Amino acid sequence: MVSMFQDVWNFLRERKKWWLMPIIIGLLILGTLIFVETGSALAPFIYTIF
């Protein structure tokens, strides 16, 4: 798992693709939010947003 993040970081650094960083961070936040809220009582409200 760590090597995947290290590979992505090396790709961004070597290729100067810094514009991808906000997209990656947004996807990580969205994925974490969905993963955490799937089993809670707030899940129906989170899913209506999307």
PDB file of N, CA and C in Angstrom:
ATOM      1  N   MET A   1       0.832  -1.197   0.000  1.00  0.00           N
ATOM      2  CA  MET A   1       0.000   0.000   0.000  1.00  0.00           C
ATOM      3  C   MET A   1       0.873   1.256   0.000  1.00  0.00           C
ATOM      4  N   VAL A   2       1.928   1.225   0.792  1.00  0.00           N
ATOM      5  CA  VAL A   2       2.815   2.388   0.864  1.00  0.00           C
ATOM      6  C   VAL A   2       3.524   2.591  -0.467  1.00  0.00           C
ATOM      7  N   SER A   3       3.882   1.496  -1.125  1.00  0.00           N
ATOM      8  CA  SER A   3       4.596   1.639  -2.396  1.00  0.00           C
ATOM      9  C   SER A   3       3.708   2.284  -3.464  1.00  0.00           C
ATOM     10  N   MET A   4       2.385   2.057  -3.389  1.00  0.00           N
ATOM     11  CA  MET A   4       1.482   2.678  -4.352  1.00  0.00           C
ATOM     12  C   MET A   4       1.496   4.201  -4.187  1.00  0.00           C
ATOM     13  N   PHE A   5       1.405   4.665  -2.946  1.00  0.00           N
ATOM     14  CA  PHE A   5       1.456   6.109  -2.702  1.00  0.00           C
ATOM     15  C   PHE A   5       2.811   6.683  -3.076  1.00  0.00           C
ATOM     16  N   GLN A   6       3.851   5.918  -2.827  1.00  0.00           N
ATOM     17  CA  GLN A   6       5.193   6.369  -3.184  1.00  0.00           C
ATOM     18  C   GLN A   6       5.342   6.462  -4.709  1.00  0.00           C
ATOM     19  N   ASP A   7       4.774   5.505  -5.429  1.00  0.00           N
ATOM     20  CA  ASP A   7       4.822   5.545  -6.897  1.00  0.00           C
ATOM     21  C   ASP A   7       4.054   6.743  -7.442  1.00  0.00           C
ATOM     22  N   VAL A   8       2.885   7.019  -6.887  1.00  0.00           N
ATOM     23  CA  VAL A   8       2.102   8.178  -7.332  1.00  0.00           C
ATOM     24  C   VAL A   8       2.861   9.469  -7.045  1.00  0.00           C
ATOM     25  N   TRP A   9       3.442   9.573  -5.860  1.00  0.00           N
ATOM     26  CA  TRP A   9       4.198  10.768  -5.502  1.00  0.00           C
ATOM     27  C   TRP A   9       5.398  10.964  -6.430  1.00  0.00           C
ATOM     28  N   ASN A  10       6.120   9.871  -6.718  1.00  0.00           N
ATOM     29  CA  ASN A  10       7.261   9.973  -7.627  1.00  0.00           C
ATOM     30  C   ASN A  10       6.822  10.375  -9.032  1.00  0.00           C
ATOM     31  N   PHE A  11       5.683   9.848  -9.483  1.00  0.00           N
ATOM     32  CA  PHE A  11       5.163  10.232 -10.799  1.00  0.00           C
ATOM     33  C   PHE A  11       4.852  11.723 -10.844  1.00  0.00           C
ATOM     34  N   LEU A  12       4.155  12.219  -9.811  1.00  0.00           N
ATOM     35  CA  LEU A  12       3.799  13.641  -9.785  1.00  0.00           C
ATOM     36  C   LEU A  12       5.044  14.529  -9.732  1.00  0.00           C
ATOM     37  N   ARG A  13       6.015  14.107  -8.964  1.00  0.00           N
ATOM     38  CA  ARG A  13       7.219  14.914  -8.801  1.00  0.00           C
ATOM     39  C   ARG A  13       8.079  14.920 -10.063  1.00  0.00           C
ATOM     40  N   GLU A  14       8.258  13.755 -10.679  1.00  0.00           N
ATOM     41  CA  GLU A  14       9.126  13.674 -11.858  1.00  0.00           C
ATOM     42  C   GLU A  14       8.492  14.291 -13.101  1.00  0.00           C
ATOM     43  N   ARG A  15       7.198  14.108 -13.267  1.00  0.00           N
ATOM     44  CA  ARG A  15       6.526  14.591 -14.472  1.00  0.00           C
ATOM     45  C   ARG A  15       5.954  15.997 -14.318  1.00  0.00           C
ATOM     46  N   LYS A  16       6.065  16.572 -13.122  1.00  0.00           N
ATOM     47  CA  LYS A  16       5.558  17.929 -12.835  1.00  0.00           C
ATOM     48  C   LYS A  16       4.061  18.027 -13.112  1.00  0.00           C
ATOM     49  N   LYS A  17       3.311  17.047 -12.676  1.00  0.00           N
ATOM     50  CA  LYS A  17       1.860  17.000 -12.860  1.00  0.00           C
ATOM     51  C   LYS A  17       1.159  17.447 -11.581  1.00  0.00           C
ATOM     52  N   TRP A  18       1.523  18.608 -11.079  1.00  0.00           N
ATOM     53  CA  TRP A  18       0.981  19.082  -9.802  1.00  0.00           C
ATOM     54  C   TRP A  18      -0.509  19.391  -9.870  1.00  0.00           C
ATOM     55  N   TRP A  19      -1.051  19.588 -11.073  1.00  0.00           N
ATOM     56  CA  TRP A  19      -2.479  19.866 -11.195  1.00  0.00           C
ATOM     57  C   TRP A  19      -3.319  18.636 -10.857  1.00  0.00           C
ATOM     58  N   LEU A  20      -2.707  17.447 -10.832  1.00  0.00           N
ATOM     59  CA  LEU A  20      -3.434  16.235 -10.464  1.00  0.00           C
ATOM     60  C   LEU A  20      -3.632  16.109  -8.952  1.00  0.00           C
ATOM     61  N   MET A  21      -2.847  16.819  -8.169  1.00  0.00           N
ATOM     62  CA  MET A  21      -2.896  16.682  -6.713  1.00  0.00           C
ATOM     63  C   MET A  21      -4.274  17.016  -6.125  1.00  0.00           C
ATOM     64  N   PRO A  22      -4.939  18.112  -6.491  1.00  0.00           N
ATOM     65  CA  PRO A  22      -6.275  18.368  -5.934  1.00  0.00           C
ATOM     66  C   PRO A  22      -7.295  17.296  -6.315  1.00  0.00           C
ATOM     67  N   ILE A  23      -7.167  16.741  -7.508  1.00  0.00           N
ATOM     68  CA  ILE A  23      -8.085  15.684  -7.932  1.00  0.00           C
ATOM     69  C   ILE A  23      -7.880  14.442  -7.081  1.00  0.00           C
ATOM     70  N   ILE A  24      -6.643  14.064  -6.864  1.00  0.00           N
ATOM     71  CA  ILE A  24      -6.333  12.883  -6.062  1.00  0.00           C
ATOM     72  C   ILE A  24      -6.793  13.068  -4.622  1.00  0.00           C
ATOM     73  N   ILE A  25      -6.550  14.231  -4.061  1.00  0.00           N
ATOM     74  CA  ILE A  25      -6.968  14.500  -2.684  1.00  0.00           C
ATOM     75  C   ILE A  25      -8.490  14.476  -2.572  1.00  0.00           C
ATOM     76  N   GLY A  26      -9.179  15.060  -3.549  1.00  0.00           N
ATOM     77  CA  GLY A  26     -10.642  15.044  -3.536  1.00  0.00           C
ATOM     78  C   GLY A  26     -11.198  13.634  -3.616  1.00  0.00           C
ATOM     79  N   LEU A  27     -10.616  12.801  -4.465  1.00  0.00           N
ATOM     80  CA  LEU A  27     -11.069  11.419  -4.573  1.00  0.00           C
ATOM     81  C   LEU A  27     -10.805  10.635  -3.290  1.00  0.00           C
ATOM     82  N   LEU A  28      -9.666  10.889  -2.657  1.00  0.00           N
ATOM     83  CA  LEU A  28      -9.377  10.224  -1.384  1.00  0.00           C
ATOM     84  C   LEU A  28     -10.364  10.630  -0.295  1.00  0.00           C
ATOM     85  N   ILE A  29     -10.685  11.910  -0.232  1.00  0.00           N
ATOM     86  CA  ILE A  29     -11.658  12.381   0.765  1.00  0.00           C
ATOM     87  C   ILE A  29     -13.035  11.791   0.490  1.00  0.00           C
ATOM     88  N   LEU A  30     -13.443  11.794  -0.753  1.00  0.00           N
ATOM     89  CA  LEU A  30     -14.743  11.237  -1.123  1.00  0.00           C
ATOM     90  C   LEU A  30     -14.816   9.740  -0.815  1.00  0.00           C
ATOM     91  N   GLY A  31     -13.781   9.006  -1.150  1.00  0.00           N
ATOM     92  CA  GLY A  31     -13.743   7.577  -0.865  1.00  0.00           C
ATOM     93  C   GLY A  31     -13.770   7.287   0.619  1.00  0.00           C
ATOM     94  N   THR A  32     -13.040   8.071   1.392  1.00  0.00           N
ATOM     95  CA  THR A  32     -13.039   7.899   2.843  1.00  0.00           C
ATOM     96  C   THR A  32     -14.399   8.209   3.430  1.00  0.00           C
ATOM     97  N   LEU A  33     -15.032   9.255   2.959  1.00  0.00           N
ATOM     98  CA  LEU A  33     -16.362   9.619   3.449  1.00  0.00           C
ATOM     99  C   LEU A  33     -17.371   8.510   3.168  1.00  0.00           C
ATOM    100  N   ILE A  34     -17.346   7.965   1.982  1.00  0.00           N
ATOM    101  CA  ILE A  34     -18.276   6.887   1.642  1.00  0.00           C
ATOM    102  C   ILE A  34     -17.972   5.634   2.446  1.00  0.00           C
ATOM    103  N   PHE A  35     -16.700   5.314   2.624  1.00  0.00           N
ATOM    104  CA  PHE A  35     -16.318   4.123   3.377  1.00  0.00           C
ATOM    105  C   PHE A  35     -16.725   4.229   4.840  1.00  0.00           C
ATOM    106  N   VAL A  36     -16.540   5.393   5.444  1.00  0.00           N
ATOM    107  CA  VAL A  36     -16.848   5.575   6.862  1.00  0.00           C
ATOM    108  C   VAL A  36     -18.350   5.621   7.108  1.00  0.00           C
ATOM    109  N   GLU A  37     -19.088   6.218   6.216  1.00  0.00           N
ATOM    110  CA  GLU A  37     -20.514   6.445   6.441  1.00  0.00           C
ATOM    111  C   GLU A  37     -21.426   5.326   5.948  1.00  0.00           C
ATOM    112  N   THR A  38     -20.897   4.268   5.380  1.00  0.00           N
ATOM    113  CA  THR A  38     -21.770   3.223   4.847  1.00  0.00           C
ATOM    114  C   THR A  38     -22.548   2.498   5.933  1.00  0.00           C
ATOM    115  N   GLY A  39     -21.975   2.344   7.107  1.00  0.00           N
ATOM    116  CA  GLY A  39     -22.652   1.597   8.156  1.00  0.00           C
ATOM    117  C   GLY A  39     -23.346   2.465   9.180  1.00  0.00           C
ATOM    118  N   SER A  40     -23.403   3.740   8.990  1.00  0.00           N
ATOM    119  CA  SER A  40     -23.965   4.615  10.013  1.00  0.00           C
ATOM    120  C   SER A  40     -25.385   5.058   9.652  1.00  0.00           C
ATOM    121  N   ALA A  41     -26.000   5.750  10.569  1.00  0.00           N
ATOM    122  CA  ALA A  41     -27.356   6.258  10.347  1.00  0.00           C
ATOM    123  C   ALA A  41     -27.367   7.443   9.379  1.00  0.00           C
ATOM    124  N   LEU A  42     -26.218   8.037   9.132  1.00  0.00           N
ATOM    125  CA  LEU A  42     -26.137   9.175   8.208  1.00  0.00           C
ATOM    126  C   LEU A  42     -26.025   8.750   6.748  1.00  0.00           C
ATOM    127  N   ALA A  43     -25.892   7.468   6.494  1.00  0.00           N
ATOM    128  CA  ALA A  43     -25.689   6.980   5.130  1.00  0.00           C
ATOM    129  C   ALA A  43     -26.775   7.439   4.150  1.00  0.00           C
ATOM    130  N   PRO A  44     -28.066   7.377   4.484  1.00  0.00           N
ATOM    131  CA  PRO A  44     -29.067   7.831   3.505  1.00  0.00           C
ATOM    132  C   PRO A  44     -28.923   9.312   3.144  1.00  0.00           C
ATOM    133  N   PHE A  45     -28.487  10.124   4.082  1.00  0.00           N
ATOM    134  CA  PHE A  45     -28.321  11.548   3.802  1.00  0.00           C
ATOM    135  C   PHE A  45     -27.093  11.816   2.953  1.00  0.00           C
ATOM    136  N   ILE A  46     -26.031  11.048   3.167  1.00  0.00           N
ATOM    137  CA  ILE A  46     -24.816  11.207   2.369  1.00  0.00           C
ATOM    138  C   ILE A  46     -25.104  10.791   0.922  1.00  0.00           C
ATOM    139  N   TYR A  47     -25.838   9.697   0.723  1.00  0.00           N
ATOM    140  CA  TYR A  47     -26.097   9.210  -0.621  1.00  0.00           C
ATOM    141  C   TYR A  47     -27.019  10.138  -1.413  1.00  0.00           C
ATOM    142  N   THR A  48     -27.866  10.894  -0.725  1.00  0.00           N
ATOM    143  CA  THR A  48     -28.722  11.814  -1.465  1.00  0.00           C
ATOM    144  C   THR A  48     -27.939  12.999  -2.021  1.00  0.00           C
ATOM    145  N   ILE A  49     -26.802  13.283  -1.441  1.00  0.00           N
ATOM    146  CA  ILE A  49     -25.957  14.374  -1.953  1.00  0.00           C
ATOM    147  C   ILE A  49     -25.449  14.014  -3.338  1.00  0.00           C
ATOM    148  N   PHE A  50     -25.136  12.742  -3.542  1.00  0.00           N
ATOM    149  CA  PHE A  50     -24.554  12.299  -4.811  1.00  0.00           C
ATOM    150  C   PHE A  50     -25.638  11.754  -5.693  1.00  0.00           C
TER     151      PHE A  50
END
